[in-house]
Structure formats: C-alpha cells, structure tokens
Amino acid sequence: MQRIRKGDEVIVLAGKDKGRRGAVTRVYSDGRILVEGLNMVRKHVKPNPASGNQGGIVEREMPINASNIAIYNSITKKGGRIGYKRLEDGRKVRFFRSTNELVDI
C-alpha cells in the first residue's frame, strides 16, 4: 500500500518548488511522483513532420522524488506524516499521525 496515491493533494518539502501544492497525476514504481503544475522544465523537442510535431521548446512537468513531498493536511495547513490502521469493519486506511484524521474516506 502506497503512502501517496494518484489524486492526493501534496506539498513540496524541498527543491525549487518548495511550499507549493498540487495534485498527484502519476506515481512511478521507482519512488518518483508526477505532480500537476509543479517541477516544470523546458524540453527541446525535434520537429517530426510525420506525426505533425512542429518542434521547439516545450514546458512540461517532470517527476519529483517521493522523499521531497508530503500529503497536505488541510487542518494543520502543512504537510503531514501518514500512518495505517484497520477500522472495525476490517478496512485498512491511511491517517495523519499528527491529528489522527483519516486521509481515506
């Protein structure tokens, strides 16, 4: 079970986008996470007439290491650590360690 999943709102803890928030777009298996609108870089793209690609300089998102982001806790207004527990009905859920509020509802 991953601590950070697609759709979670996260905050960046380190790097050029420190303090900015965004939604997780994709989680890679090697521990990198793609966050919507963060870690933007300029890529030089070659033109490819066969596919209709004009080429030039394109801005796109790049993945961030999972150790540099945390799930945003709206109660404390900062990143929070995540724990796991089982509910009475047997479901395994994530919760914030600082406030004991459930992340998964």
N, C-alpha and C. Protein backbone atom coordinates (compact mmCIF):
# COMPACT_ATOMS: atom_id res chain seq x y z
N MET A 1 0.85 -1.19 0.00
CA MET A 1 0.00 0.00 0.00
C MET A 1 0.89 1.25 0.00
N GLN A 2 0.69 2.12 -0.98
CA GLN A 2 1.49 3.33 -1.11
C GLN A 2 1.02 4.41 -0.16
N ARG A 3 1.96 5.18 0.36
CA ARG A 3 1.61 6.31 1.22
C ARG A 3 1.00 7.45 0.42
N ILE A 4 1.49 7.65 -0.79
CA ILE A 4 0.98 8.71 -1.64
C ILE A 4 0.38 8.06 -2.88
N ARG A 5 -0.84 8.46 -3.22
CA ARG A 5 -1.57 7.86 -4.33
C ARG A 5 -2.01 8.93 -5.32
N LYS A 6 -2.42 8.48 -6.49
CA LYS A 6 -2.92 9.37 -7.51
C LYS A 6 -4.15 10.11 -6.98
N GLY A 7 -4.19 11.43 -7.18
CA GLY A 7 -5.32 12.24 -6.73
C GLY A 7 -5.10 12.92 -5.40
N ASP A 8 -4.10 12.51 -4.62
CA ASP A 8 -3.81 13.15 -3.34
C ASP A 8 -3.29 14.56 -3.55
N GLU A 9 -3.64 15.47 -2.64
CA GLU A 9 -3.06 16.81 -2.67
C GLU A 9 -1.79 16.78 -1.84
N VAL A 10 -0.68 17.21 -2.45
CA VAL A 10 0.62 17.14 -1.79
C VAL A 10 1.25 18.52 -1.74
N ILE A 11 2.24 18.67 -0.85
CA ILE A 11 3.02 19.89 -0.72
C ILE A 11 4.49 19.51 -0.88
N VAL A 12 5.24 20.37 -1.57
CA VAL A 12 6.65 20.10 -1.82
C VAL A 12 7.47 20.56 -0.63
N LEU A 13 8.34 19.69 -0.12
CA LEU A 13 9.15 19.98 1.07
C LEU A 13 10.53 20.51 0.72
N ALA A 14 11.05 20.17 -0.47
CA ALA A 14 12.40 20.58 -0.84
C ALA A 14 12.48 20.77 -2.34
N GLY A 15 13.38 21.66 -2.77
CA GLY A 15 13.59 21.89 -4.18
C GLY A 15 13.12 23.26 -4.60
N LYS A 16 13.12 23.50 -5.90
CA LYS A 16 12.80 24.83 -6.41
C LYS A 16 11.33 25.20 -6.21
N ASP A 17 10.45 24.23 -6.03
CA ASP A 17 9.02 24.50 -5.82
C ASP A 17 8.61 24.32 -4.37
N LYS A 18 9.53 24.47 -3.44
CA LYS A 18 9.26 24.27 -2.02
C LYS A 18 8.09 25.14 -1.56
N GLY A 19 7.13 24.49 -0.87
CA GLY A 19 5.97 25.20 -0.34
C GLY A 19 4.78 25.22 -1.27
N ARG A 20 4.93 24.83 -2.52
CA ARG A 20 3.82 24.83 -3.46
C ARG A 20 3.04 23.52 -3.36
N ARG A 21 1.74 23.60 -3.69
CA ARG A 21 0.87 22.44 -3.61
C ARG A 21 0.35 22.05 -4.98
N GLY A 22 -0.03 20.79 -5.11
CA GLY A 22 -0.61 20.29 -6.35
C GLY A 22 -1.17 18.89 -6.16
N ALA A 23 -1.88 18.43 -7.16
CA ALA A 23 -2.48 17.10 -7.12
C ALA A 23 -1.56 16.10 -7.82
N VAL A 24 -1.50 14.89 -7.28
CA VAL A 24 -0.67 13.83 -7.85
C VAL A 24 -1.33 13.33 -9.12
N THR A 25 -0.55 13.35 -10.22
CA THR A 25 -1.03 12.88 -11.52
C THR A 25 -0.68 11.42 -11.75
N ARG A 26 0.55 11.04 -11.34
CA ARG A 26 1.01 9.68 -11.57
C ARG A 26 2.05 9.31 -10.53
N VAL A 27 2.05 8.05 -10.10
CA VAL A 27 3.03 7.52 -9.16
C VAL A 27 3.84 6.45 -9.89
N TYR A 28 5.15 6.65 -9.98
CA TYR A 28 6.03 5.69 -10.64
C TYR A 28 6.49 4.64 -9.63
N SER A 29 6.86 3.45 -10.12
CA SER A 29 7.25 2.36 -9.24
C SER A 29 8.63 2.57 -8.61
N ASP A 30 9.44 3.47 -9.16
CA ASP A 30 10.78 3.69 -8.61
C ASP A 30 10.84 4.80 -7.57
N GLY A 31 9.69 5.26 -7.07
CA GLY A 31 9.67 6.24 -5.99
C GLY A 31 9.59 7.68 -6.44
N ARG A 32 9.27 7.91 -7.70
CA ARG A 32 9.09 9.27 -8.18
C ARG A 32 7.61 9.54 -8.37
N ILE A 33 7.23 10.81 -8.24
CA ILE A 33 5.83 11.18 -8.31
C ILE A 33 5.68 12.40 -9.22
N LEU A 34 4.70 12.36 -10.11
CA LEU A 34 4.41 13.45 -11.02
C LEU A 34 3.28 14.28 -10.41
N VAL A 35 3.55 15.57 -10.17
CA VAL A 35 2.57 16.45 -9.55
C VAL A 35 2.14 17.50 -10.57
N GLU A 36 0.84 17.72 -10.64
CA GLU A 36 0.26 18.62 -11.62
C GLU A 36 0.74 20.06 -11.41
N GLY A 37 1.38 20.64 -12.43
CA GLY A 37 1.80 22.04 -12.40
C GLY A 37 3.07 22.33 -11.63
N LEU A 38 3.77 21.30 -11.14
CA LEU A 38 4.99 21.53 -10.38
C LEU A 38 6.19 20.90 -11.08
N ASN A 39 7.38 21.39 -10.76
CA ASN A 39 8.65 20.93 -11.32
C ASN A 39 8.63 21.04 -12.85
N MET A 40 8.23 22.21 -13.33
CA MET A 40 8.16 22.46 -14.77
C MET A 40 9.57 22.69 -15.32
N VAL A 41 9.86 22.06 -16.46
CA VAL A 41 11.15 22.22 -17.13
C VAL A 41 10.90 22.52 -18.60
N ARG A 42 11.91 23.07 -19.25
CA ARG A 42 11.83 23.34 -20.69
C ARG A 42 12.56 22.22 -21.43
N LYS A 43 11.85 21.56 -22.34
CA LYS A 43 12.42 20.49 -23.14
C LYS A 43 12.54 20.96 -24.58
N HIS A 44 13.68 20.68 -25.19
CA HIS A 44 13.88 20.97 -26.60
C HIS A 44 13.38 19.77 -27.40
N VAL A 45 12.38 19.98 -28.25
CA VAL A 45 11.75 18.90 -28.99
C VAL A 45 12.10 19.05 -30.47
N LYS A 46 12.55 17.95 -31.08
CA LYS A 46 12.86 17.94 -32.51
C LYS A 46 11.58 17.94 -33.31
N PRO A 47 11.56 18.61 -34.44
CA PRO A 47 10.36 18.54 -35.28
C PRO A 47 10.23 17.16 -35.93
N ASN A 48 9.01 16.70 -36.04
CA ASN A 48 8.72 15.41 -36.68
C ASN A 48 7.53 15.60 -37.61
N PRO A 49 7.79 15.86 -38.88
CA PRO A 49 6.69 16.13 -39.81
C PRO A 49 5.73 14.95 -39.97
N ALA A 50 6.21 13.73 -39.79
CA ALA A 50 5.35 12.55 -39.95
C ALA A 50 4.22 12.54 -38.93
N SER A 51 4.50 12.96 -37.69
CA SER A 51 3.46 12.97 -36.66
C SER A 51 2.84 14.34 -36.48
N GLY A 52 3.29 15.32 -37.27
CA GLY A 52 2.72 16.67 -37.18
C GLY A 52 3.29 17.49 -36.04
N ASN A 53 4.42 17.07 -35.47
CA ASN A 53 5.06 17.79 -34.36
C ASN A 53 5.93 18.90 -34.93
N GLN A 54 5.64 20.14 -34.54
CA GLN A 54 6.35 21.29 -35.08
C GLN A 54 7.74 21.44 -34.49
N GLY A 55 7.94 21.02 -33.25
CA GLY A 55 9.24 21.15 -32.60
C GLY A 55 9.36 22.49 -31.89
N GLY A 56 10.50 22.69 -31.21
CA GLY A 56 10.73 23.92 -30.47
C GLY A 56 10.96 23.62 -29.00
N ILE A 57 10.75 24.63 -28.17
CA ILE A 57 10.95 24.50 -26.73
C ILE A 57 9.58 24.35 -26.07
N VAL A 58 9.40 23.25 -25.34
CA VAL A 58 8.12 22.93 -24.72
C VAL A 58 8.29 22.86 -23.21
N GLU A 59 7.34 23.44 -22.46
CA GLU A 59 7.35 23.33 -20.99
C GLU A 59 6.54 22.11 -20.60
N ARG A 60 7.09 21.28 -19.71
CA ARG A 60 6.36 20.11 -19.23
C ARG A 60 6.76 19.79 -17.80
N GLU A 61 5.92 18.96 -17.14
CA GLU A 61 6.16 18.56 -15.76
C GLU A 61 7.13 17.39 -15.74
N MET A 62 7.98 17.37 -14.72
CA MET A 62 8.88 16.24 -14.52
C MET A 62 8.61 15.67 -13.13
N PRO A 63 8.90 14.38 -12.93
CA PRO A 63 8.62 13.76 -11.63
C PRO A 63 9.53 14.29 -10.52
N ILE A 64 9.02 14.20 -9.29
CA ILE A 64 9.75 14.60 -8.08
C ILE A 64 9.94 13.35 -7.24
N ASN A 65 11.05 13.26 -6.54
CA ASN A 65 11.29 12.14 -5.65
C ASN A 65 10.26 12.17 -4.51
N ALA A 66 9.76 11.02 -4.13
CA ALA A 66 8.72 10.94 -3.10
C ALA A 66 9.19 11.45 -1.74
N SER A 67 10.51 11.45 -1.50
CA SER A 67 11.02 11.93 -0.22
C SER A 67 10.92 13.45 -0.10
N ASN A 68 10.69 14.14 -1.22
CA ASN A 68 10.63 15.60 -1.21
C ASN A 68 9.21 16.14 -1.18
N ILE A 69 8.21 15.29 -1.02
CA ILE A 69 6.84 15.75 -0.92
C ILE A 69 6.14 15.07 0.24
N ALA A 70 5.06 15.69 0.72
CA ALA A 70 4.24 15.12 1.79
C ALA A 70 2.78 15.42 1.48
N ILE A 71 1.89 14.59 1.99
CA ILE A 71 0.46 14.81 1.79
C ILE A 71 0.05 16.04 2.59
N TYR A 72 -0.73 16.93 1.96
CA TYR A 72 -1.15 18.18 2.58
C TYR A 72 -2.29 17.92 3.55
N ASN A 73 -2.13 18.41 4.78
CA ASN A 73 -3.16 18.28 5.81
C ASN A 73 -3.88 19.62 5.91
N SER A 74 -5.15 19.66 5.53
CA SER A 74 -5.89 20.92 5.50
C SER A 74 -6.19 21.46 6.90
N ILE A 75 -6.14 20.62 7.92
CA ILE A 75 -6.39 21.07 9.29
C ILE A 75 -5.20 21.85 9.84
N THR A 76 -4.00 21.29 9.67
CA THR A 76 -2.79 21.96 10.18
C THR A 76 -2.17 22.91 9.16
N LYS A 77 -2.65 22.88 7.92
CA LYS A 77 -2.15 23.74 6.83
C LYS A 77 -0.69 23.49 6.49
N LYS A 78 -0.24 22.24 6.65
CA LYS A 78 1.13 21.87 6.26
C LYS A 78 1.18 20.38 5.95
N GLY A 79 2.34 19.91 5.52
CA GLY A 79 2.49 18.51 5.17
C GLY A 79 2.42 17.62 6.40
N GLY A 80 1.85 16.44 6.23
CA GLY A 80 1.71 15.54 7.36
C GLY A 80 2.26 14.17 7.08
N ARG A 81 2.68 13.49 8.15
CA ARG A 81 3.13 12.11 8.03
C ARG A 81 1.93 11.19 8.06
N ILE A 82 2.06 10.05 7.39
CA ILE A 82 0.95 9.14 7.21
C ILE A 82 1.21 7.84 7.96
N GLY A 83 0.15 7.31 8.57
CA GLY A 83 0.20 6.00 9.21
C GLY A 83 -0.94 5.15 8.69
N TYR A 84 -0.97 3.91 9.08
CA TYR A 84 -2.02 2.97 8.67
C TYR A 84 -2.69 2.38 9.90
N LYS A 85 -3.98 2.13 9.78
CA LYS A 85 -4.69 1.40 10.83
C LYS A 85 -5.88 0.69 10.21
N ARG A 86 -6.36 -0.32 10.93
CA ARG A 86 -7.53 -1.07 10.48
C ARG A 86 -8.75 -0.59 11.25
N LEU A 87 -9.85 -0.40 10.53
CA LEU A 87 -11.10 0.01 11.15
C LEU A 87 -11.84 -1.23 11.65
N GLU A 88 -12.94 -1.01 12.37
CA GLU A 88 -13.71 -2.11 12.93
C GLU A 88 -14.27 -3.02 11.84
N ASP A 89 -14.58 -2.43 10.66
CA ASP A 89 -15.14 -3.24 9.58
C ASP A 89 -14.06 -3.97 8.77
N GLY A 90 -12.78 -3.85 9.18
CA GLY A 90 -11.70 -4.60 8.56
C GLY A 90 -10.95 -3.85 7.47
N ARG A 91 -11.39 -2.63 7.12
CA ARG A 91 -10.70 -1.87 6.08
C ARG A 91 -9.39 -1.30 6.61
N LYS A 92 -8.37 -1.28 5.74
CA LYS A 92 -7.09 -0.67 6.08
C LYS A 92 -7.08 0.74 5.50
N VAL A 93 -6.89 1.76 6.36
CA VAL A 93 -6.98 3.15 5.91
C VAL A 93 -5.73 3.92 6.32
N ARG A 94 -5.49 5.04 5.62
CA ARG A 94 -4.39 5.93 5.96
C ARG A 94 -4.92 7.03 6.88
N PHE A 95 -4.06 7.49 7.81
CA PHE A 95 -4.46 8.59 8.69
C PHE A 95 -3.25 9.48 8.95
N PHE A 96 -3.52 10.76 9.28
CA PHE A 96 -2.45 11.69 9.64
C PHE A 96 -2.01 11.39 11.07
N ARG A 97 -0.70 11.23 11.27
CA ARG A 97 -0.20 10.90 12.60
C ARG A 97 -0.36 12.05 13.59
N SER A 98 -0.35 13.29 13.10
CA SER A 98 -0.43 14.43 14.00
C SER A 98 -1.84 14.66 14.54
N THR A 99 -2.88 14.45 13.72
CA THR A 99 -4.24 14.76 14.14
C THR A 99 -5.15 13.54 14.22
N ASN A 100 -4.68 12.37 13.81
CA ASN A 100 -5.47 11.13 13.77
C ASN A 100 -6.70 11.23 12.85
N GLU A 101 -6.71 12.19 11.92
CA GLU A 101 -7.78 12.31 10.94
C GLU A 101 -7.51 11.35 9.79
N LEU A 102 -8.56 10.75 9.25
CA LEU A 102 -8.42 9.80 8.16
C LEU A 102 -8.16 10.53 6.85
N VAL A 103 -7.27 9.99 6.05
CA VAL A 103 -6.98 10.52 4.71
C VAL A 103 -7.99 9.89 3.75
N ASP A 104 -8.21 8.59 3.85
CA ASP A 104 -9.15 7.87 3.00
C ASP A 104 -10.54 7.89 3.66
N ILE A 105 -11.51 8.27 2.87
CA ILE A 105 -12.88 8.29 3.42
C ILE A 105 -13.78 7.44 2.55
